[in-house]
C-alpha atoms as a PDB file:
ATOM      1  CA  MET A   1     -32.093  -0.636   8.759  1.00  0.00           C
ATOM      2  CA  LYS A   2     -28.693  -0.594  10.471  1.00  0.00           C
ATOM      3  CA  VAL A   3     -26.164   1.891   9.025  1.00  0.00           C
ATOM      4  CA  TYR A   4     -22.468   1.898   9.959  1.00  0.00           C
ATOM      5  CA  VAL A   5     -20.986   5.374   9.941  1.00  0.00           C
ATOM      6  CA  PRO A   6     -17.179   5.935   9.621  1.00  0.00           C
ATOM      7  CA  SER A   7     -15.495   7.711  12.583  1.00  0.00           C
ATOM      8  CA  PRO A   8     -14.740  10.810  10.490  1.00  0.00           C
ATOM      9  CA  LEU A   9     -18.478  11.304  10.070  1.00  0.00           C
ATOM     10  CA  ALA A  10     -19.487  10.347  13.648  1.00  0.00           C
ATOM     11  CA  SER A  11     -19.443  14.092  14.690  1.00  0.00           C
ATOM     12  CA  TYR A  12     -22.737  14.289  12.672  1.00  0.00           C
ATOM     13  CA  THR A  13     -24.342  11.457  14.588  1.00  0.00           C
ATOM     14  CA  GLN A  14     -23.451  12.483  18.128  1.00  0.00           C
ATOM     15  CA  GLU A  15     -20.348  10.088  17.961  1.00  0.00           C
ATOM     16  CA  ALA A  16     -22.550   7.045  17.120  1.00  0.00           C
ATOM     17  CA  THR A  17     -20.885   4.801  14.639  1.00  0.00           C
ATOM     18  CA  THR A  18     -24.037   2.705  14.188  1.00  0.00           C
ATOM     19  CA  VAL A  19     -27.399   4.280  13.632  1.00  0.00           C
ATOM     20  CA  GLU A  20     -30.815   3.417  12.208  1.00  0.00           C
ATOM     21  CA  ALA A  21     -32.357   4.906   9.013  1.00  0.00           C
ATOM     22  CA  THR A  22     -35.026   3.979   6.485  1.00  0.00           C
ATOM     23  CA  GLY A  23     -35.404   4.119   2.753  1.00  0.00           C
ATOM     24  CA  SER A  24     -36.134   1.938  -0.303  1.00  0.00           C
ATOM     25  CA  THR A  25     -33.075   3.138  -2.168  1.00  0.00           C
ATOM     26  CA  VAL A  26     -29.575   4.312  -1.011  1.00  0.00           C
ATOM     27  CA  GLY A  27     -30.524   7.859  -1.926  1.00  0.00           C
ATOM     28  CA  GLU A  28     -33.754   7.795   0.181  1.00  0.00           C
ATOM     29  CA  LEU A  29     -31.815   6.299   3.103  1.00  0.00           C
ATOM     30  CA  LEU A  30     -29.242   9.124   2.862  1.00  0.00           C
ATOM     31  CA  ASP A  31     -32.099  11.613   2.820  1.00  0.00           C
ATOM     32  CA  ASP A  32     -33.419  10.054   6.027  1.00  0.00           C
ATOM     33  CA  LEU A  33     -29.978  10.206   7.619  1.00  0.00           C
ATOM     34  CA  ASP A  34     -29.738  13.845   6.772  1.00  0.00           C
ATOM     35  CA  ARG A  35     -33.098  14.542   8.289  1.00  0.00           C
ATOM     36  CA  ARG A  36     -31.981  12.914  11.454  1.00  0.00           C
ATOM     37  CA  TYR A  37     -28.380  14.153  11.370  1.00  0.00           C
ATOM     38  CA  PRO A  38     -28.262  17.391   9.283  1.00  0.00           C
ATOM     39  CA  GLY A  39     -25.231  17.906   7.098  1.00  0.00           C
ATOM     40  CA  ILE A  40     -24.115  14.199   6.844  1.00  0.00           C
ATOM     41  CA  ARG A  41     -25.499  13.667   3.354  1.00  0.00           C
ATOM     42  CA  PHE A  42     -23.342  16.530   1.839  1.00  0.00           C
ATOM     43  CA  ARG A  43     -20.233  14.710   3.117  1.00  0.00           C
ATOM     44  CA  ILE A  44     -21.329  11.528   1.309  1.00  0.00           C
ATOM     45  CA  VAL A  45     -22.972  12.973  -1.941  1.00  0.00           C
ATOM     46  CA  SER A  46     -21.601  15.684  -4.204  1.00  0.00           C
ATOM     47  CA  GLU A  47     -23.495  18.603  -5.549  1.00  0.00           C
ATOM     48  CA  GLN A  48     -23.994  16.524  -8.776  1.00  0.00           C
ATOM     49  CA  ASP A  49     -26.034  14.046  -6.670  1.00  0.00           C
ATOM     50  CA  ARG A  50     -23.279  11.352  -6.968  1.00  0.00           C
ATOM     51  CA  ILE A  51     -21.555   9.370  -4.260  1.00  0.00           C
ATOM     52  CA  ARG A  52     -18.340  11.242  -3.606  1.00  0.00           C
ATOM     53  CA  ARG A  53     -15.110   9.619  -5.036  1.00  0.00           C
ATOM     54  CA  HIS A  54     -13.524   9.110  -1.660  1.00  0.00           C
ATOM     55  CA  ILE A  55     -16.675   7.422  -0.171  1.00  0.00           C
ATOM     56  CA  ARG A  56     -17.649   3.747  -0.603  1.00  0.00           C
ATOM     57  CA  ILE A  57     -21.048   2.413   0.224  1.00  0.00           C
ATOM     58  CA  PHE A  58     -21.668  -1.284   0.935  1.00  0.00           C
ATOM     59  CA  VAL A  59     -24.972  -3.030   1.181  1.00  0.00           C
ATOM     60  CA  ASN A  60     -24.622  -6.322   2.937  1.00  0.00           C
ATOM     61  CA  LEU A  61     -20.803  -6.123   2.251  1.00  0.00           C
ATOM     62  CA  GLU A  62     -21.413  -5.541  -1.640  1.00  0.00           C
ATOM     63  CA  GLU A  63     -20.275  -2.226  -2.929  1.00  0.00           C
ATOM     64  CA  VAL A  64     -22.974  -0.002  -4.572  1.00  0.00           C
ATOM     65  CA  ARG A  65     -22.146   3.107  -6.607  1.00  0.00           C
ATOM     66  CA  SER A  66     -25.643   4.388  -7.326  1.00  0.00           C
ATOM     67  CA  LEU A  67     -28.118   6.267  -5.210  1.00  0.00           C
ATOM     68  CA  THR A  68     -30.826   4.306  -6.941  1.00  0.00           C
ATOM     69  CA  ALA A  69     -29.650   0.998  -5.633  1.00  0.00           C
ATOM     70  CA  PRO A  70     -32.596  -0.808  -4.002  1.00  0.00           C
ATOM     71  CA  LEU A  71     -32.676  -1.641  -0.312  1.00  0.00           C
ATOM     72  CA  ARG A  72     -34.727  -3.970   1.787  1.00  0.00           C
ATOM     73  CA  PRO A  73     -35.567  -3.428   5.558  1.00  0.00           C
ATOM     74  CA  ALA A  74     -33.229  -6.204   6.719  1.00  0.00           C
ATOM     75  CA  ASP A  75     -30.269  -4.802   4.806  1.00  0.00           C
ATOM     76  CA  GLU A  76     -27.193  -3.304   6.555  1.00  0.00           C
ATOM     77  CA  LEU A  77     -25.402  -0.375   4.937  1.00  0.00           C
ATOM     78  CA  MET A  78     -21.875   0.521   5.636  1.00  0.00           C
ATOM     79  CA  ILE A  79     -20.344   3.898   4.729  1.00  0.00           C
ATOM     80  CA  VAL A  80     -16.579   3.783   4.361  1.00  0.00           C
ATOM     81  CA  GLY A  81     -14.286   6.833   3.795  1.00  0.00           C
ATOM     82  CA  ALA A  82     -11.013   6.393   1.924  1.00  0.00           C
ATOM     83  CA  LEU A  83      -7.847   7.174   3.760  1.00  0.00           C
ATOM     84  CA  SER A  84      -5.115   9.245   2.271  1.00  0.00           C
ATOM     85  CA  GLY A  85      -1.768  10.718   3.260  1.00  0.00           C
ATOM     86  CA  GLY A  86       1.792   9.876   3.213  1.00  0.00           C
END
């Protein structure tokens, strides 16, 4: 399935902002991404196995907050990093 990667994480994907990955849940998809692009999962998921507070994940433009959220092969997943600063 198509995965949209935010620019701050593109260094893990050889600067690609759209990549392919597979999985029947968000967690499985992130595991597949990490196999393909080592280190990216740690930037998205905390040591407690939760989506980091500054990361939002959307499946078909609908936000999901659980790694167990189901996915279908035709879904599109978008990873968004919150911006901060002043």
